[in-house]
PDB file of N, CA and C in Angstrom:
ATOM      1  N   MET A   1      -6.193 -10.800   2.240  1.00  0.00           N
ATOM      2  CA  MET A   1      -5.318 -10.345   1.186  1.00  0.00           C
ATOM      3  C   MET A   1      -4.012  -9.877   1.793  1.00  0.00           C
ATOM      4  N   LYS A   2      -3.013  -9.690   0.918  1.00  0.00           N
ATOM      5  CA  LYS A   2      -1.686  -9.322   1.380  1.00  0.00           C
ATOM      6  C   LYS A   2      -0.994  -8.504   0.288  1.00  0.00           C
ATOM      7  N   LEU A   3      -0.118  -7.594   0.698  1.00  0.00           N
ATOM      8  CA  LEU A   3       0.680  -6.858  -0.277  1.00  0.00           C
ATOM      9  C   LEU A   3       1.601  -7.839  -0.992  1.00  0.00           C
ATOM     10  N   ASN A   4       1.750  -7.679  -2.295  1.00  0.00           N
ATOM     11  CA  ASN A   4       2.586  -8.565  -3.091  1.00  0.00           C
ATOM     12  C   ASN A   4       4.041  -8.423  -2.629  1.00  0.00           C
ATOM     13  N   PRO A   5       4.652  -9.525  -2.151  1.00  0.00           N
ATOM     14  CA  PRO A   5       6.001  -9.427  -1.577  1.00  0.00           C
ATOM     15  C   PRO A   5       7.108  -9.092  -2.571  1.00  0.00           C
ATOM     16  N   LYS A   6       6.841  -9.205  -3.871  1.00  0.00           N
ATOM     17  CA  LYS A   6       7.902  -8.848  -4.820  1.00  0.00           C
ATOM     18  C   LYS A   6       8.044  -7.333  -4.973  1.00  0.00           C
ATOM     19  N   TYR A   7       7.075  -6.578  -4.444  1.00  0.00           N
ATOM     20  CA  TYR A   7       7.145  -5.117  -4.468  1.00  0.00           C
ATOM     21  C   TYR A   7       7.647  -4.608  -3.124  1.00  0.00           C
ATOM     22  N   LYS A   8       8.611  -3.706  -3.169  1.00  0.00           N
ATOM     23  CA  LYS A   8       9.202  -3.158  -1.948  1.00  0.00           C
ATOM     24  C   LYS A   8       9.146  -1.632  -1.976  1.00  0.00           C
ATOM     25  N   LEU A   9       8.940  -1.061  -0.807  1.00  0.00           N
ATOM     26  CA  LEU A   9       8.941   0.394  -0.656  1.00  0.00           C
ATOM     27  C   LEU A   9      10.383   0.886  -0.675  1.00  0.00           C
ATOM     28  N   GLN A  10      10.653   1.862  -1.528  1.00  0.00           N
ATOM     29  CA  GLN A  10      11.992   2.422  -1.673  1.00  0.00           C
ATOM     30  C   GLN A  10      11.919   3.943  -1.622  1.00  0.00           C
ATOM     31  N   ASP A  11      12.997   4.545  -1.173  1.00  0.00           N
ATOM     32  CA  ASP A  11      13.143   5.995  -1.257  1.00  0.00           C
ATOM     33  C   ASP A  11      14.030   6.264  -2.472  1.00  0.00           C
ATOM     34  N   VAL A  12      13.453   6.844  -3.512  1.00  0.00           N
ATOM     35  CA  VAL A  12      14.188   7.135  -4.742  1.00  0.00           C
ATOM     36  C   VAL A  12      14.127   8.642  -4.976  1.00  0.00           C
ATOM     37  N   ALA A  13      15.268   9.282  -4.854  1.00  0.00           N
ATOM     38  CA  ALA A  13      15.374  10.732  -5.056  1.00  0.00           C
ATOM     39  C   ALA A  13      14.377  11.499  -4.192  1.00  0.00           C
ATOM     40  N   GLY A  14      14.203  11.048  -2.951  1.00  0.00           N
ATOM     41  CA  GLY A  14      13.323  11.739  -2.016  1.00  0.00           C
ATOM     42  C   GLY A  14      11.852  11.392  -2.134  1.00  0.00           C
ATOM     43  N   GLU A  15      11.492  10.538  -3.084  1.00  0.00           N
ATOM     44  CA  GLU A  15      10.101  10.104  -3.263  1.00  0.00           C
ATOM     45  C   GLU A  15       9.953   8.672  -2.762  1.00  0.00           C
ATOM     46  N   LYS A  16       8.841   8.384  -2.110  1.00  0.00           N
ATOM     47  CA  LYS A  16       8.543   7.020  -1.681  1.00  0.00           C
ATOM     48  C   LYS A  16       7.877   6.300  -2.836  1.00  0.00           C
ATOM     49  N   MET A  17       8.496   5.206  -3.271  1.00  0.00           N
ATOM     50  CA  MET A  17       7.998   4.458  -4.415  1.00  0.00           C
ATOM     51  C   MET A  17       7.969   2.977  -4.096  1.00  0.00           C
ATOM     52  N   VAL A  18       7.055   2.280  -4.758  1.00  0.00           N
ATOM     53  CA  VAL A  18       7.003   0.833  -4.675  1.00  0.00           C
ATOM     54  C   VAL A  18       7.567   0.318  -5.992  1.00  0.00           C
ATOM     55  N   VAL A  19       8.600  -0.528  -5.898  1.00  0.00           N
ATOM     56  CA  VAL A  19       9.248  -1.066  -7.094  1.00  0.00           C
ATOM     57  C   VAL A  19       9.347  -2.583  -6.990  1.00  0.00           C
ATOM     58  N   VAL A  20       9.439  -3.232  -8.165  1.00  0.00           N
ATOM     59  CA  VAL A  20       9.597  -4.685  -8.217  1.00  0.00           C
ATOM     60  C   VAL A  20      11.039  -5.040  -7.881  1.00  0.00           C
ATOM     61  N   HIS A  21      11.195  -6.047  -7.020  1.00  0.00           N
ATOM     62  CA  HIS A  21      12.510  -6.609  -6.743  1.00  0.00           C
ATOM     63  C   HIS A  21      12.532  -8.013  -7.315  1.00  0.00           C
ATOM     64  N   ASN A  22      13.561  -8.303  -8.126  1.00  0.00           N
ATOM     65  CA  ASN A  22      13.711  -9.640  -8.683  1.00  0.00           C
ATOM     66  C   ASN A  22      15.156 -10.089  -8.507  1.00  0.00           C
ATOM     67  N   ALA A  23      15.529 -11.198  -9.127  1.00  0.00           N
ATOM     68  CA  ALA A  23      16.872 -11.751  -8.959  1.00  0.00           C
ATOM     69  C   ALA A  23      17.966 -10.780  -9.400  1.00  0.00           C
ATOM     70  N   GLU A  24      17.647  -9.915 -10.348  1.00  0.00           N
ATOM     71  CA  GLU A  24      18.635  -8.953 -10.846  1.00  0.00           C
ATOM     72  C   GLU A  24      18.673  -7.661 -10.029  1.00  0.00           C
ATOM     73  N   GLY A  25      17.769  -7.488  -9.101  1.00  0.00           N
ATOM     74  CA  GLY A  25      17.702  -6.270  -8.299  1.00  0.00           C
ATOM     75  C   GLY A  25      16.395  -5.539  -8.527  1.00  0.00           C
ATOM     76  N   MET A  26      16.435  -4.216  -8.518  1.00  0.00           N
ATOM     77  CA  MET A  26      15.224  -3.418  -8.728  1.00  0.00           C
ATOM     78  C   MET A  26      14.892  -3.331 -10.214  1.00  0.00           C
ATOM     79  N   ASP A  27      13.618  -3.481 -10.527  1.00  0.00           N
ATOM     80  CA  ASP A  27      13.119  -3.304 -11.892  1.00  0.00           C
ATOM     81  C   ASP A  27      12.374  -1.974 -11.925  1.00  0.00           C
ATOM     82  N   LEU A  28      12.990  -0.977 -12.497  1.00  0.00           N
ATOM     83  CA  LEU A  28      12.403   0.363 -12.507  1.00  0.00           C
ATOM     84  C   LEU A  28      11.451   0.596 -13.679  1.00  0.00           C
ATOM     85  N   SER A  29      11.092  -0.485 -14.397  1.00  0.00           N
ATOM     86  CA  SER A  29      10.148  -0.322 -15.502  1.00  0.00           C
ATOM     87  C   SER A  29       8.718  -0.148 -15.003  1.00  0.00           C
ATOM     88  N   LYS A  30       8.451  -0.543 -13.772  1.00  0.00           N
ATOM     89  CA  LYS A  30       7.125  -0.336 -13.174  1.00  0.00           C
ATOM     90  C   LYS A  30       7.327   0.233 -11.775  1.00  0.00           C
ATOM     91  N   VAL A  31       7.033   1.500 -11.621  1.00  0.00           N
ATOM     92  CA  VAL A  31       7.230   2.211 -10.360  1.00  0.00           C
ATOM     93  C   VAL A  31       5.914   2.866  -9.973  1.00  0.00           C
ATOM     94  N   ILE A  32       5.522   2.712  -8.712  1.00  0.00           N
ATOM     95  CA  ILE A  32       4.312   3.334  -8.184  1.00  0.00           C
ATOM     96  C   ILE A  32       4.739   4.327  -7.107  1.00  0.00           C
ATOM     97  N   VAL A  33       4.405   5.598  -7.290  1.00  0.00           N
ATOM     98  CA  VAL A  33       4.732   6.626  -6.299  1.00  0.00           C
ATOM     99  C   VAL A  33       3.608   6.676  -5.269  1.00  0.00           C
ATOM    100  N   LEU A  34       3.976   6.678  -3.990  1.00  0.00           N
ATOM    101  CA  LEU A  34       2.998   6.705  -2.907  1.00  0.00           C
ATOM    102  C   LEU A  34       2.932   8.082  -2.264  1.00  0.00           C
ATOM    103  N   ASN A  35       1.717   8.498  -1.909  1.00  0.00           N
ATOM    104  CA  ASN A  35       1.592   9.712  -1.103  1.00  0.00           C
ATOM    105  C   ASN A  35       1.851   9.335   0.353  1.00  0.00           C
ATOM    106  N   SER A  36       1.847  10.298   1.239  1.00  0.00           N
ATOM    107  CA  SER A  36       2.223  10.030   2.632  1.00  0.00           C
ATOM    108  C   SER A  36       1.260   9.068   3.327  1.00  0.00           C
ATOM    109  N   THR A  37      -0.027   9.151   3.020  1.00  0.00           N
ATOM    110  CA  THR A  37      -0.998   8.237   3.629  1.00  0.00           C
ATOM    111  C   THR A  37      -0.775   6.818   3.130  1.00  0.00           C
ATOM    112  N   ALA A  38      -0.577   6.655   1.838  1.00  0.00           N
ATOM    113  CA  ALA A  38      -0.322   5.329   1.275  1.00  0.00           C
ATOM    114  C   ALA A  38       0.964   4.736   1.838  1.00  0.00           C
ATOM    115  N   GLU A  39       1.957   5.571   2.069  1.00  0.00           N
ATOM    116  CA  GLU A  39       3.212   5.109   2.666  1.00  0.00           C
ATOM    117  C   GLU A  39       2.974   4.576   4.077  1.00  0.00           C
ATOM    118  N   VAL A  40       2.203   5.304   4.872  1.00  0.00           N
ATOM    119  CA  VAL A  40       1.883   4.865   6.237  1.00  0.00           C
ATOM    120  C   VAL A  40       1.182   3.513   6.200  1.00  0.00           C
ATOM    121  N   LEU A  41       0.196   3.380   5.312  1.00  0.00           N
ATOM    122  CA  LEU A  41      -0.541   2.121   5.203  1.00  0.00           C
ATOM    123  C   LEU A  41       0.370   0.991   4.742  1.00  0.00           C
ATOM    124  N   TRP A  42       1.193   1.246   3.731  1.00  0.00           N
ATOM    125  CA  TRP A  42       2.092   0.213   3.210  1.00  0.00           C
ATOM    126  C   TRP A  42       3.002  -0.305   4.327  1.00  0.00           C
ATOM    127  N   LYS A  43       3.620   0.613   5.067  1.00  0.00           N
ATOM    128  CA  LYS A  43       4.529   0.211   6.147  1.00  0.00           C
ATOM    129  C   LYS A  43       3.804  -0.600   7.220  1.00  0.00           C
ATOM    130  N   ALA A  44       2.578  -0.218   7.547  1.00  0.00           N
ATOM    131  CA  ALA A  44       1.815  -0.914   8.587  1.00  0.00           C
ATOM    132  C   ALA A  44       1.361  -2.300   8.136  1.00  0.00           C
ATOM    133  N   LEU A  45       1.153  -2.484   6.836  1.00  0.00           N
ATOM    134  CA  LEU A  45       0.565  -3.724   6.328  1.00  0.00           C
ATOM    135  C   LEU A  45       1.564  -4.660   5.662  1.00  0.00           C
ATOM    136  N   GLU A  46       2.785  -4.210   5.465  1.00  0.00           N
ATOM    137  CA  GLU A  46       3.783  -5.039   4.796  1.00  0.00           C
ATOM    138  C   GLU A  46       3.952  -6.361   5.539  1.00  0.00           C
ATOM    139  N   ASP A  47       3.917  -7.470   4.801  1.00  0.00           N
ATOM    140  CA  ASP A  47       4.079  -8.828   5.339  1.00  0.00           C
ATOM    141  C   ASP A  47       2.946  -9.260   6.261  1.00  0.00           C
ATOM    142  N   LYS A  48       1.775  -8.639   6.156  1.00  0.00           N
ATOM    143  CA  LYS A  48       0.631  -8.994   7.005  1.00  0.00           C
ATOM    144  C   LYS A  48      -0.606  -9.227   6.143  1.00  0.00           C
ATOM    145  N   GLU A  49      -1.474 -10.107   6.614  1.00  0.00           N
ATOM    146  CA  GLU A  49      -2.791 -10.270   6.005  1.00  0.00           C
ATOM    147  C   GLU A  49      -3.657  -9.097   6.465  1.00  0.00           C
ATOM    148  N   PHE A  50      -4.548  -8.625   5.585  1.00  0.00           N
ATOM    149  CA  PHE A  50      -5.427  -7.529   5.981  1.00  0.00           C
ATOM    150  C   PHE A  50      -6.737  -7.580   5.221  1.00  0.00           C
ATOM    151  N   THR A  51      -7.696  -6.833   5.720  1.00  0.00           N
ATOM    152  CA  THR A  51      -9.019  -6.689   5.114  1.00  0.00           C
ATOM    153  C   THR A  51      -9.289  -5.192   4.951  1.00  0.00           C
ATOM    154  N   PRO A  52     -10.345  -4.831   4.232  1.00  0.00           N
ATOM    155  CA  PRO A  52     -10.697  -3.408   4.171  1.00  0.00           C
ATOM    156  C   PRO A  52     -10.928  -2.817   5.563  1.00  0.00           C
ATOM    157  N   GLU A  53     -11.480  -3.619   6.451  1.00  0.00           N
ATOM    158  CA  GLU A  53     -11.730  -3.142   7.819  1.00  0.00           C
ATOM    159  C   GLU A  53     -10.423  -2.869   8.562  1.00  0.00           C
ATOM    160  N   THR A  54      -9.399  -3.695   8.309  1.00  0.00           N
ATOM    161  CA  THR A  54      -8.081  -3.474   8.918  1.00  0.00           C
ATOM    162  C   THR A  54      -7.515  -2.129   8.467  1.00  0.00           C
ATOM    163  N   VAL A  55      -7.574  -1.891   7.160  1.00  0.00           N
ATOM    164  CA  VAL A  55      -7.062  -0.636   6.599  1.00  0.00           C
ATOM    165  C   VAL A  55      -7.853   0.548   7.155  1.00  0.00           C
ATOM    166  N   ALA A  56      -9.170   0.409   7.201  1.00  0.00           N
ATOM    167  CA  ALA A  56     -10.017   1.482   7.741  1.00  0.00           C
ATOM    168  C   ALA A  56      -9.654   1.779   9.191  1.00  0.00           C
ATOM    169  N   GLY A  57      -9.398   0.743   9.972  1.00  0.00           N
ATOM    170  CA  GLY A  57      -9.002   0.934  11.369  1.00  0.00           C
ATOM    171  C   GLY A  57      -7.723   1.745  11.492  1.00  0.00           C
ATOM    172  N   LEU A  58      -6.770   1.479  10.612  1.00  0.00           N
ATOM    173  CA  LEU A  58      -5.523   2.259  10.615  1.00  0.00           C
ATOM    174  C   LEU A  58      -5.788   3.722  10.280  1.00  0.00           C
ATOM    175  N   LEU A  59      -6.675   3.956   9.318  1.00  0.00           N
ATOM    176  CA  LEU A  59      -7.014   5.337   8.939  1.00  0.00           C
ATOM    177  C   LEU A  59      -7.718   6.075  10.074  1.00  0.00           C
ATOM    178  N   VAL A  60      -8.617   5.392  10.757  1.00  0.00           N
ATOM    179  CA  VAL A  60      -9.321   5.999  11.895  1.00  0.00           C
ATOM    180  C   VAL A  60      -8.323   6.344  12.993  1.00  0.00           C
ATOM    181  N   GLU A  61      -7.430   5.402  13.283  1.00  0.00           N
ATOM    182  CA  GLU A  61      -6.447   5.594  14.355  1.00  0.00           C
ATOM    183  C   GLU A  61      -5.469   6.726  14.040  1.00  0.00           C
ATOM    184  N   LYS A  62      -4.952   6.747  12.825  1.00  0.00           N
ATOM    185  CA  LYS A  62      -3.910   7.713  12.461  1.00  0.00           C
ATOM    186  C   LYS A  62      -4.466   9.097  12.114  1.00  0.00           C
ATOM    187  N   TYR A  63      -5.620   9.117  11.415  1.00  0.00           N
ATOM    188  CA  TYR A  63      -6.124  10.379  10.876  1.00  0.00           C
ATOM    189  C   TYR A  63      -7.465  10.812  11.462  1.00  0.00           C
ATOM    190  N   GLU A  64      -7.974  10.053  12.416  1.00  0.00           N
ATOM    191  CA  GLU A  64      -9.227  10.372  13.109  1.00  0.00           C
ATOM    192  C   GLU A  64     -10.401  10.552  12.144  1.00  0.00           C
ATOM    193  N   LEU A  65     -10.448   9.715  11.110  1.00  0.00           N
ATOM    194  CA  LEU A  65     -11.581   9.737  10.184  1.00  0.00           C
ATOM    195  C   LEU A  65     -12.774   9.033  10.811  1.00  0.00           C
ATOM    196  N   LYS A  66     -13.955   9.335  10.323  1.00  0.00           N
ATOM    197  CA  LYS A  66     -15.136   8.580  10.725  1.00  0.00           C
ATOM    198  C   LYS A  66     -15.035   7.197  10.086  1.00  0.00           C
ATOM    199  N   LYS A  67     -15.566   6.186  10.772  1.00  0.00           N
ATOM    200  CA  LYS A  67     -15.436   4.803  10.306  1.00  0.00           C
ATOM    201  C   LYS A  67     -15.960   4.603   8.887  1.00  0.00           C
ATOM    202  N   GLU A  68     -17.101   5.201   8.576  1.00  0.00           N
ATOM    203  CA  GLU A  68     -17.700   5.020   7.252  1.00  0.00           C
ATOM    204  C   GLU A  68     -16.801   5.597   6.155  1.00  0.00           C
ATOM    205  N   LYS A  69     -16.269   6.784   6.383  1.00  0.00           N
ATOM    206  CA  LYS A  69     -15.368   7.433   5.426  1.00  0.00           C
ATOM    207  C   LYS A  69     -14.080   6.628   5.290  1.00  0.00           C
ATOM    208  N   ALA A  70     -13.557   6.163   6.415  1.00  0.00           N
ATOM    209  CA  ALA A  70     -12.322   5.381   6.400  1.00  0.00           C
ATOM    210  C   ALA A  70     -12.507   4.085   5.618  1.00  0.00           C
ATOM    211  N   LEU A  71     -13.639   3.424   5.787  1.00  0.00           N
ATOM    212  CA  LEU A  71     -13.892   2.177   5.069  1.00  0.00           C
ATOM    213  C   LEU A  71     -14.019   2.434   3.567  1.00  0.00           C
ATOM    214  N   CYS A  72     -14.679   3.495   3.199  1.00  0.00           N
ATOM    215  CA  CYS A  72     -14.803   3.871   1.782  1.00  0.00           C
ATOM    216  C   CYS A  72     -13.421   4.147   1.187  1.00  0.00           C
ATOM    217  N   ASP A  73     -12.602   4.918   1.895  1.00  0.00           N
ATOM    218  CA  ASP A  73     -11.248   5.233   1.432  1.00  0.00           C
ATOM    219  C   ASP A  73     -10.390   3.971   1.361  1.00  0.00           C
ATOM    220  N   ALA A  74     -10.534   3.089   2.343  1.00  0.00           N
ATOM    221  CA  ALA A  74      -9.768   1.842   2.375  1.00  0.00           C
ATOM    222  C   ALA A  74     -10.096   0.978   1.163  1.00  0.00           C
ATOM    223  N   LYS A  75     -11.374   0.855   0.853  1.00  0.00           N
ATOM    224  CA  LYS A  75     -11.787   0.050  -0.302  1.00  0.00           C
ATOM    225  C   LYS A  75     -11.249   0.644  -1.602  1.00  0.00           C
ATOM    226  N   SER A  76     -11.258   1.942  -1.707  1.00  0.00           N
ATOM    227  CA  SER A  76     -10.733   2.615  -2.896  1.00  0.00           C
ATOM    228  C   SER A  76      -9.230   2.379  -3.034  1.00  0.00           C
ATOM    229  N   TRP A  77      -8.500   2.490  -1.935  1.00  0.00           N
ATOM    230  CA  TRP A  77      -7.051   2.272  -1.932  1.00  0.00           C
ATOM    231  C   TRP A  77      -6.733   0.836  -2.327  1.00  0.00           C
ATOM    232  N   ILE A  78      -7.453  -0.106  -1.755  1.00  0.00           N
ATOM    233  CA  ILE A  78      -7.238  -1.518  -2.068  1.00  0.00           C
ATOM    234  C   ILE A  78      -7.527  -1.793  -3.543  1.00  0.00           C
ATOM    235  N   LYS A  79      -8.592  -1.220  -4.060  1.00  0.00           N
ATOM    236  CA  LYS A  79      -8.946  -1.405  -5.472  1.00  0.00           C
ATOM    237  C   LYS A  79      -7.828  -0.883  -6.374  1.00  0.00           C
ATOM    238  N   SER A  80      -7.272   0.274  -6.047  1.00  0.00           N
ATOM    239  CA  SER A  80      -6.174   0.843  -6.834  1.00  0.00           C
ATOM    240  C   SER A  80      -4.945  -0.056  -6.803  1.00  0.00           C
ATOM    241  N   LEU A  81      -4.612  -0.553  -5.621  1.00  0.00           N
ATOM    242  CA  LEU A  81      -3.451  -1.435  -5.503  1.00  0.00           C
ATOM    243  C   LEU A  81      -3.672  -2.747  -6.243  1.00  0.00           C
ATOM    244  N   TYR A  82      -4.891  -3.279  -6.147  1.00  0.00           N
ATOM    245  CA  TYR A  82      -5.212  -4.531  -6.830  1.00  0.00           C
ATOM    246  C   TYR A  82      -5.067  -4.374  -8.347  1.00  0.00           C
ATOM    247  N   LYS A  83      -5.587  -3.276  -8.883  1.00  0.00           N
ATOM    248  CA  LYS A  83      -5.483  -3.017 -10.328  1.00  0.00           C
ATOM    249  C   LYS A  83      -4.026  -2.909 -10.776  1.00  0.00           C
ATOM    250  N   ALA A  84      -3.160  -2.420  -9.899  1.00  0.00           N
ATOM    251  CA  ALA A  84      -1.740  -2.268 -10.219  1.00  0.00           C
ATOM    252  C   ALA A  84      -0.946  -3.549  -9.964  1.00  0.00           C
ATOM    253  N   GLY A  85      -1.614  -4.593  -9.453  1.00  0.00           N
ATOM    254  CA  GLY A  85      -0.937  -5.860  -9.186  1.00  0.00           C
ATOM    255  C   GLY A  85      -0.153  -5.889  -7.891  1.00  0.00           C
ATOM    256  N   LEU A  86      -0.448  -4.959  -6.988  1.00  0.00           N
ATOM    257  CA  LEU A  86       0.310  -4.859  -5.740  1.00  0.00           C
ATOM    258  C   LEU A  86      -0.285  -5.667  -4.594  1.00  0.00           C
ATOM    259  N   ILE A  87      -1.428  -6.310  -4.835  1.00  0.00           N
ATOM    260  CA  ILE A  87      -2.092  -7.088  -3.785  1.00  0.00           C
ATOM    261  C   ILE A  87      -2.292  -8.519  -4.257  1.00  0.00           C
ATOM    262  N   GLU A  88      -2.021  -9.459  -3.354  1.00  0.00           N
ATOM    263  CA  GLU A  88      -2.325 -10.870  -3.583  1.00  0.00           C
ATOM    264  C   GLU A  88      -3.578 -11.205  -2.805  1.00  0.00           C
ATOM    265  N   MET A  89      -4.485 -11.926  -3.439  1.00  0.00           N
ATOM    266  CA  MET A  89      -5.719 -12.331  -2.750  1.00  0.00           C
ATOM    267  C   MET A  89      -5.531 -13.694  -2.106  1.00  0.00           C
TER     268      MET A  89
END
């Protein structure tokens, strides 16, 4: 899977947000605010193929989580992004 390339991470008024970019520019009708962990993951995975295990590995490396907890969190994060249309399969 891969992050949907039409969505880009932006800093809007001090908040990290994912917004749609189209031919006219930014479409602010659909904005997703990211917390600091989601921002770290987004930056690490942008333009790359990944699996839940890839995401879990990043969480273990950055936050020293146990592998099982990291994999559970990774799957939850991916599910949320998929529901929002931010992931391409």
